[in-house]
Amino acid sequence: MRTTLSGLYGITDSVLMPTLDQMLIQVELSILGGARLIQYRDKSSDSVKRQNEASALNNLCQSYNVALIINDDIELALSTGAAGVHLGQSDGELKEARDKLGNDAIIGITCHDSLTLAEKAEQQGADYVAFGAFFQSKTKPHAKPAPFELIHLAKEKLNLPVVAIGGISVDNASKIIAAGADMVAVIHALYAQNDIKAAAQQFHQQFNN
């Protein structure tokens, strides 16, 4: 599945989604609200749980023609038939992911606050690069801040979509989008809200203003 890498990028959270049913409901609401890409993120060592959740989530995403990306696990992406994988700087080689998942897979790379890492990712064949944190993040509270200017530079230097992550909310997303980000990746400002669909719509609308 190839997809346009732009708009709202929802990332799952095992605390906010303690059961599979809750995860499917919450993710579906975000898709109905306009999420364009979903990432399954689970740092537990429960391989059976991860396999079951990722498989069910992939089926849901496919029913809406939305790509599912697996966080940090090439083998799980392969076994579930997910659209791709998101890798950190220490989560496996991009070449290995491409060899195993194929040319059509979407492979994203975390580049923190480094344009150098992003340029390397592009040279190695990444499909998008992710920078952050741009604001205080609940998921990674000690993440090194990334400057808005980094997005401008990346858009000038790279021919890849740029994803912004880290503390992004409905209230500050417009600044990130205005700086040139193609996607905003969100966890709490989406899935911790009482009305997930409405929150997704609010993010989605900012890309269309």
C-alpha atoms as a PDB file:
ATOM      1  CA  MET A   1       0.000   0.000   0.000  1.00  0.00           C
ATOM      2  CA  ARG A   2       1.371   3.375  -1.000  1.00  0.00           C
ATOM      3  CA  THR A   3      -0.142   6.420   0.569  1.00  0.00           C
ATOM      4  CA  THR A   4       0.236  10.166   0.492  1.00  0.00           C
ATOM      5  CA  LEU A   5       2.335  11.008   3.508  1.00  0.00           C
ATOM      6  CA  SER A   6       0.585  14.125   4.695  1.00  0.00           C
ATOM      7  CA  GLY A   7      -1.788  15.062   7.486  1.00  0.00           C
ATOM      8  CA  LEU A   8      -2.453  13.555  10.904  1.00  0.00           C
ATOM      9  CA  TYR A   9      -0.338  10.595  12.007  1.00  0.00           C
ATOM     10  CA  GLY A  10      -1.856   8.776  14.992  1.00  0.00           C
ATOM     11  CA  ILE A  11       0.347   6.675  17.282  1.00  0.00           C
ATOM     12  CA  THR A  12      -1.139   4.073  19.595  1.00  0.00           C
ATOM     13  CA  ASP A  13      -0.385   3.930  23.314  1.00  0.00           C
ATOM     14  CA  SER A  14      -0.753   0.859  25.519  1.00  0.00           C
ATOM     15  CA  VAL A  15      -1.688   2.925  28.591  1.00  0.00           C
ATOM     16  CA  LEU A  16      -4.401   4.873  26.797  1.00  0.00           C
ATOM     17  CA  MET A  17      -5.542   1.682  25.053  1.00  0.00           C
ATOM     18  CA  PRO A  18      -5.281  -1.100  27.670  1.00  0.00           C
ATOM     19  CA  THR A  19      -7.377  -3.603  25.692  1.00  0.00           C
ATOM     20  CA  LEU A  20      -7.531  -4.563  22.036  1.00  0.00           C
ATOM     21  CA  ASP A  21     -11.184  -3.519  21.806  1.00  0.00           C
ATOM     22  CA  GLN A  22     -10.380  -0.075  23.161  1.00  0.00           C
ATOM     23  CA  MET A  23      -7.485   0.274  20.755  1.00  0.00           C
ATOM     24  CA  LEU A  24      -9.634  -0.601  17.751  1.00  0.00           C
ATOM     25  CA  ILE A  25     -12.413   1.767  18.808  1.00  0.00           C
ATOM     26  CA  GLN A  26     -10.055   4.659  19.452  1.00  0.00           C
ATOM     27  CA  VAL A  27      -8.062   4.186  16.270  1.00  0.00           C
ATOM     28  CA  GLU A  28     -11.221   3.877  14.199  1.00  0.00           C
ATOM     29  CA  LEU A  29     -12.513   7.141  15.660  1.00  0.00           C
ATOM     30  CA  SER A  30      -9.254   8.865  14.743  1.00  0.00           C
ATOM     31  CA  ILE A  31      -9.450   7.544  11.185  1.00  0.00           C
ATOM     32  CA  LEU A  32     -13.045   8.708  10.879  1.00  0.00           C
ATOM     33  CA  GLY A  33     -11.846  12.119  12.021  1.00  0.00           C
ATOM     34  CA  GLY A  34      -9.175  12.272   9.345  1.00  0.00           C
ATOM     35  CA  ALA A  35      -6.026  10.440  10.501  1.00  0.00           C
ATOM     36  CA  ARG A  36      -4.029   9.503   7.386  1.00  0.00           C
ATOM     37  CA  LEU A  37      -1.440   7.189   8.911  1.00  0.00           C
ATOM     38  CA  ILE A  38      -1.456   4.996  12.034  1.00  0.00           C
ATOM     39  CA  GLN A  39       1.532   3.662  13.946  1.00  0.00           C
ATOM     40  CA  TYR A  40       1.322   0.679  16.280  1.00  0.00           C
ATOM     41  CA  ARG A  41       3.659   1.366  19.186  1.00  0.00           C
ATOM     42  CA  ASP A  42       4.008  -1.147  22.000  1.00  0.00           C
ATOM     43  CA  LYS A  43       7.247  -1.521  23.938  1.00  0.00           C
ATOM     44  CA  SER A  44       6.220  -4.635  25.884  1.00  0.00           C
ATOM     45  CA  SER A  45       7.886  -8.024  25.494  1.00  0.00           C
ATOM     46  CA  ASP A  46       4.556  -9.847  25.095  1.00  0.00           C
ATOM     47  CA  SER A  47       4.983 -11.122  21.552  1.00  0.00           C
ATOM     48  CA  VAL A  48       1.563 -12.819  21.429  1.00  0.00           C
ATOM     49  CA  LYS A  49      -0.211  -9.611  22.494  1.00  0.00           C
ATOM     50  CA  ARG A  50       1.770  -7.558  20.009  1.00  0.00           C
ATOM     51  CA  GLN A  51       1.038  -9.987  17.175  1.00  0.00           C
ATOM     52  CA  ASN A  52      -2.695 -10.069  17.940  1.00  0.00           C
ATOM     53  CA  GLU A  53      -3.017  -6.304  18.328  1.00  0.00           C
ATOM     54  CA  ALA A  54      -0.973  -5.432  15.257  1.00  0.00           C
ATOM     55  CA  SER A  55      -2.850  -7.954  13.099  1.00  0.00           C
ATOM     56  CA  ALA A  56      -6.257  -6.694  14.196  1.00  0.00           C
ATOM     57  CA  LEU A  57      -5.173  -3.096  13.794  1.00  0.00           C
ATOM     58  CA  ASN A  58      -3.849  -3.789  10.309  1.00  0.00           C
ATOM     59  CA  ASN A  59      -7.176  -5.325   9.298  1.00  0.00           C
ATOM     60  CA  LEU A  60      -8.975  -2.233  10.580  1.00  0.00           C
ATOM     61  CA  CYS A  61      -6.631   0.146   8.793  1.00  0.00           C
ATOM     62  CA  GLN A  62      -6.876  -1.783   5.539  1.00  0.00           C
ATOM     63  CA  SER A  63     -10.670  -1.580   5.687  1.00  0.00           C
ATOM     64  CA  TYR A  64     -10.305   2.215   5.571  1.00  0.00           C
ATOM     65  CA  ASN A  65      -7.395   2.166   3.109  1.00  0.00           C
ATOM     66  CA  VAL A  66      -5.139   3.701   5.767  1.00  0.00           C
ATOM     67  CA  ALA A  67      -1.546   2.531   6.113  1.00  0.00           C
ATOM     68  CA  LEU A  68      -0.402   0.918   9.360  1.00  0.00           C
ATOM     69  CA  ILE A  69       3.214   1.437  10.383  1.00  0.00           C
ATOM     70  CA  ILE A  70       4.831  -0.771  13.034  1.00  0.00           C
ATOM     71  CA  ASN A  71       7.159   0.897  15.521  1.00  0.00           C
ATOM     72  CA  ASP A  72      10.647  -0.590  15.854  1.00  0.00           C
ATOM     73  CA  ASP A  73       9.849  -4.146  14.770  1.00  0.00           C
ATOM     74  CA  ILE A  74      10.633  -5.256  11.235  1.00  0.00           C
ATOM     75  CA  GLU A  75       9.584  -8.863  11.871  1.00  0.00           C
ATOM     76  CA  LEU A  76       6.194  -7.812  13.262  1.00  0.00           C
ATOM     77  CA  ALA A  77       5.604  -5.597  10.239  1.00  0.00           C
ATOM     78  CA  LEU A  78       6.443  -8.553   8.008  1.00  0.00           C
ATOM     79  CA  SER A  79       4.286 -11.100   9.850  1.00  0.00           C
ATOM     80  CA  THR A  80       1.212  -8.863  10.017  1.00  0.00           C
ATOM     81  CA  GLY A  81       1.414  -7.543   6.485  1.00  0.00           C
ATOM     82  CA  ALA A  82       1.572  -3.957   7.733  1.00  0.00           C
ATOM     83  CA  ALA A  83       2.356  -1.181   5.275  1.00  0.00           C
ATOM     84  CA  GLY A  84       5.725  -0.433   6.805  1.00  0.00           C
ATOM     85  CA  VAL A  85       7.913   0.210   9.804  1.00  0.00           C
ATOM     86  CA  HIS A  86       9.209   3.170  11.773  1.00  0.00           C
ATOM     87  CA  LEU A  87      12.783   2.806  12.994  1.00  0.00           C
ATOM     88  CA  GLY A  88      14.766   4.709  15.580  1.00  0.00           C
ATOM     89  CA  GLN A  89      18.486   5.247  15.287  1.00  0.00           C
ATOM     90  CA  SER A  90      19.144   1.947  17.070  1.00  0.00           C
ATOM     91  CA  ASP A  91      16.218  -0.177  15.952  1.00  0.00           C
ATOM     92  CA  GLY A  92      17.652  -2.040  12.992  1.00  0.00           C
ATOM     93  CA  GLU A  93      19.132  -1.120   9.687  1.00  0.00           C
ATOM     94  CA  LEU A  94      17.055   0.580   7.049  1.00  0.00           C
ATOM     95  CA  LYS A  95      18.556  -1.713   4.430  1.00  0.00           C
ATOM     96  CA  GLU A  96      17.430  -4.778   6.397  1.00  0.00           C
ATOM     97  CA  ALA A  97      13.904  -3.381   6.588  1.00  0.00           C
ATOM     98  CA  ARG A  98      13.844  -2.670   2.857  1.00  0.00           C
ATOM     99  CA  ASP A  99      15.205  -6.112   1.981  1.00  0.00           C
ATOM    100  CA  LYS A 100      12.605  -7.868   4.144  1.00  0.00           C
ATOM    101  CA  LEU A 101       9.567  -5.653   3.537  1.00  0.00           C
ATOM    102  CA  GLY A 102      10.116  -4.811  -0.113  1.00  0.00           C
ATOM    103  CA  ASN A 103      10.233  -1.693  -2.226  1.00  0.00           C
ATOM    104  CA  ASP A 104       6.598  -0.796  -1.590  1.00  0.00           C
ATOM    105  CA  ALA A 105       6.949  -0.677   2.190  1.00  0.00           C
ATOM    106  CA  ILE A 106       6.825   2.691   3.942  1.00  0.00           C
ATOM    107  CA  ILE A 107       9.934   3.102   6.071  1.00  0.00           C
ATOM    108  CA  GLY A 108      10.268   6.066   8.396  1.00  0.00           C
ATOM    109  CA  ILE A 109      13.305   7.052  10.433  1.00  0.00           C
ATOM    110  CA  THR A 110      13.576   9.002  13.681  1.00  0.00           C
ATOM    111  CA  CYS A 111      16.152  11.766  13.229  1.00  0.00           C
ATOM    112  CA  HIS A 112      15.690  13.643  16.527  1.00  0.00           C
ATOM    113  CA  ASP A 113      17.038  17.177  15.946  1.00  0.00           C
ATOM    114  CA  SER A 114      19.618  16.225  13.305  1.00  0.00           C
ATOM    115  CA  LEU A 115      19.499  17.211   9.647  1.00  0.00           C
ATOM    116  CA  THR A 116      22.611  15.068   9.127  1.00  0.00           C
ATOM    117  CA  LEU A 117      20.745  11.948  10.241  1.00  0.00           C
ATOM    118  CA  ALA A 118      17.870  12.891   7.944  1.00  0.00           C
ATOM    119  CA  GLU A 119      20.159  13.303   4.952  1.00  0.00           C
ATOM    120  CA  LYS A 120      21.664   9.892   5.702  1.00  0.00           C
ATOM    121  CA  ALA A 121      18.182   8.371   5.939  1.00  0.00           C
ATOM    122  CA  GLU A 122      17.243   9.828   2.566  1.00  0.00           C
ATOM    123  CA  GLN A 123      20.422   8.467   0.974  1.00  0.00           C
ATOM    124  CA  GLN A 124      19.619   5.019   2.345  1.00  0.00           C
ATOM    125  CA  GLY A 125      16.101   5.040   0.912  1.00  0.00           C
ATOM    126  CA  ALA A 126      13.776   6.153   3.717  1.00  0.00           C
ATOM    127  CA  ASP A 127      10.239   7.199   2.781  1.00  0.00           C
ATOM    128  CA  TYR A 128       9.954   9.870   5.478  1.00  0.00           C
ATOM    129  CA  VAL A 129      11.970  11.377   8.306  1.00  0.00           C
ATOM    130  CA  ALA A 130      10.676  12.356  11.741  1.00  0.00           C
ATOM    131  CA  PHE A 131      12.024  15.212  13.856  1.00  0.00           C
ATOM    132  CA  GLY A 132      11.268  16.129  17.461  1.00  0.00           C
ATOM    133  CA  ALA A 133      10.454  16.837  20.143  1.00  0.00           C
ATOM    134  CA  PHE A 134       9.213  20.291  19.232  1.00  0.00           C
ATOM    135  CA  PHE A 135       7.317  20.743  22.490  1.00  0.00           C
ATOM    136  CA  GLN A 136       7.362  19.078  25.908  1.00  0.00           C
ATOM    137  CA  SER A 137       6.405  15.443  25.330  1.00  0.00           C
ATOM    138  CA  LYS A 138       4.534  13.218  27.769  1.00  0.00           C
ATOM    139  CA  THR A 139       5.822  10.102  26.006  1.00  0.00           C
ATOM    140  CA  LYS A 140       9.467  11.214  25.958  1.00  0.00           C
ATOM    141  CA  PRO A 141       9.776  13.995  28.561  1.00  0.00           C
ATOM    142  CA  HIS A 142      13.579  14.111  28.334  1.00  0.00           C
ATOM    143  CA  ALA A 143      13.766  14.354  24.551  1.00  0.00           C
ATOM    144  CA  LYS A 144      16.124  17.045  23.299  1.00  0.00           C
ATOM    145  CA  PRO A 145      14.144  19.998  21.880  1.00  0.00           C
ATOM    146  CA  ALA A 146      14.164  20.439  18.111  1.00  0.00           C
ATOM    147  CA  PRO A 147      13.980  23.953  16.627  1.00  0.00           C
ATOM    148  CA  PHE A 148      11.288  24.969  14.150  1.00  0.00           C
ATOM    149  CA  GLU A 149      14.066  26.078  11.774  1.00  0.00           C
ATOM    150  CA  LEU A 150      14.968  22.412  11.356  1.00  0.00           C
ATOM    151  CA  ILE A 151      11.739  21.828   9.431  1.00  0.00           C
ATOM    152  CA  HIS A 152      12.522  24.710   7.069  1.00  0.00           C
ATOM    153  CA  LEU A 153      16.028  23.365   6.471  1.00  0.00           C
ATOM    154  CA  ALA A 154      14.779  19.838   5.925  1.00  0.00           C
ATOM    155  CA  LYS A 155      12.246  20.985   3.341  1.00  0.00           C
ATOM    156  CA  GLU A 156      15.018  22.833   1.500  1.00  0.00           C
ATOM    157  CA  LYS A 157      17.560  20.017   1.624  1.00  0.00           C
ATOM    158  CA  LEU A 158      15.447  16.857   1.371  1.00  0.00           C
ATOM    159  CA  ASN A 159      13.004  15.400  -1.103  1.00  0.00           C
ATOM    160  CA  LEU A 160      11.182  13.451   1.610  1.00  0.00           C
ATOM    161  CA  PRO A 161       8.055  14.110   3.661  1.00  0.00           C
ATOM    162  CA  VAL A 162       8.841  15.543   7.083  1.00  0.00           C
ATOM    163  CA  VAL A 163       7.020  14.308  10.192  1.00  0.00           C
ATOM    164  CA  ALA A 164       7.013  16.404  13.366  1.00  0.00           C
ATOM    165  CA  ILE A 165       6.528  14.764  16.753  1.00  0.00           C
ATOM    166  CA  GLY A 166       6.687  15.638  20.422  1.00  0.00           C
ATOM    167  CA  GLY A 167       4.087  17.485  22.458  1.00  0.00           C
ATOM    168  CA  ILE A 168       2.048  18.518  19.429  1.00  0.00           C
ATOM    169  CA  SER A 169      -1.521  19.585  20.230  1.00  0.00           C
ATOM    170  CA  VAL A 170      -4.468  21.092  18.422  1.00  0.00           C
ATOM    171  CA  ASP A 171      -3.379  24.469  19.797  1.00  0.00           C
ATOM    172  CA  ASN A 172       0.221  24.410  18.563  1.00  0.00           C
ATOM    173  CA  ALA A 173      -0.028  22.231  15.442  1.00  0.00           C
ATOM    174  CA  SER A 174      -0.588  25.249  13.183  1.00  0.00           C
ATOM    175  CA  LYS A 175       2.935  26.504  13.993  1.00  0.00           C
ATOM    176  CA  ILE A 176       4.440  23.168  12.975  1.00  0.00           C
ATOM    177  CA  ILE A 177       2.375  22.965   9.797  1.00  0.00           C
ATOM    178  CA  ALA A 178       3.238  26.572   8.880  1.00  0.00           C
ATOM    179  CA  ALA A 179       6.917  25.701   9.316  1.00  0.00           C
ATOM    180  CA  GLY A 180       6.487  23.083   6.585  1.00  0.00           C
ATOM    181  CA  ALA A 181       5.805  19.760   8.309  1.00  0.00           C
ATOM    182  CA  ASP A 182       3.981  17.314   6.051  1.00  0.00           C
ATOM    183  CA  MET A 183       2.614  15.319   8.985  1.00  0.00           C
ATOM    184  CA  VAL A 184       2.151  15.740  12.722  1.00  0.00           C
ATOM    185  CA  ALA A 185       2.499  12.605  14.823  1.00  0.00           C
ATOM    186  CA  VAL A 186       0.298  12.658  17.914  1.00  0.00           C
ATOM    187  CA  ILE A 187      -0.474  10.403  20.856  1.00  0.00           C
ATOM    188  CA  HIS A 188      -1.979  12.115  23.914  1.00  0.00           C
ATOM    189  CA  ALA A 189      -3.482  15.133  22.157  1.00  0.00           C
ATOM    190  CA  LEU A 190      -5.474  12.646  20.096  1.00  0.00           C
ATOM    191  CA  TYR A 191      -6.068   9.443  22.052  1.00  0.00           C
ATOM    192  CA  ALA A 192      -6.370  10.946  25.542  1.00  0.00           C
ATOM    193  CA  GLN A 193      -9.228  13.210  24.456  1.00  0.00           C
ATOM    194  CA  ASN A 194     -12.843  12.637  25.394  1.00  0.00           C
ATOM    195  CA  ASP A 195     -13.896  13.047  21.750  1.00  0.00           C
ATOM    196  CA  ILE A 196     -11.178  11.434  19.647  1.00  0.00           C
ATOM    197  CA  LYS A 197     -12.974  11.903  16.352  1.00  0.00           C
ATOM    198  CA  ALA A 198     -13.442  15.627  16.987  1.00  0.00           C
ATOM    199  CA  ALA A 199      -9.787  16.002  17.986  1.00  0.00           C
ATOM    200  CA  ALA A 200      -8.706  14.257  14.779  1.00  0.00           C
ATOM    201  CA  GLN A 201     -10.978  16.546  12.767  1.00  0.00           C
ATOM    202  CA  GLN A 202      -9.396  19.591  14.381  1.00  0.00           C
ATOM    203  CA  PHE A 203      -5.922  18.419  13.392  1.00  0.00           C
ATOM    204  CA  HIS A 204      -7.100  17.409   9.929  1.00  0.00           C
ATOM    205  CA  GLN A 205      -8.705  20.774   9.250  1.00  0.00           C
ATOM    206  CA  GLN A 206      -5.457  22.613   9.961  1.00  0.00           C
ATOM    207  CA  PHE A 207      -3.813  20.908   7.001  1.00  0.00           C
ATOM    208  CA  ASN A 208      -6.581  22.137   4.736  1.00  0.00           C
ATOM    209  CA  ASN A 209      -6.625  25.798   5.811  1.00  0.00           C
END
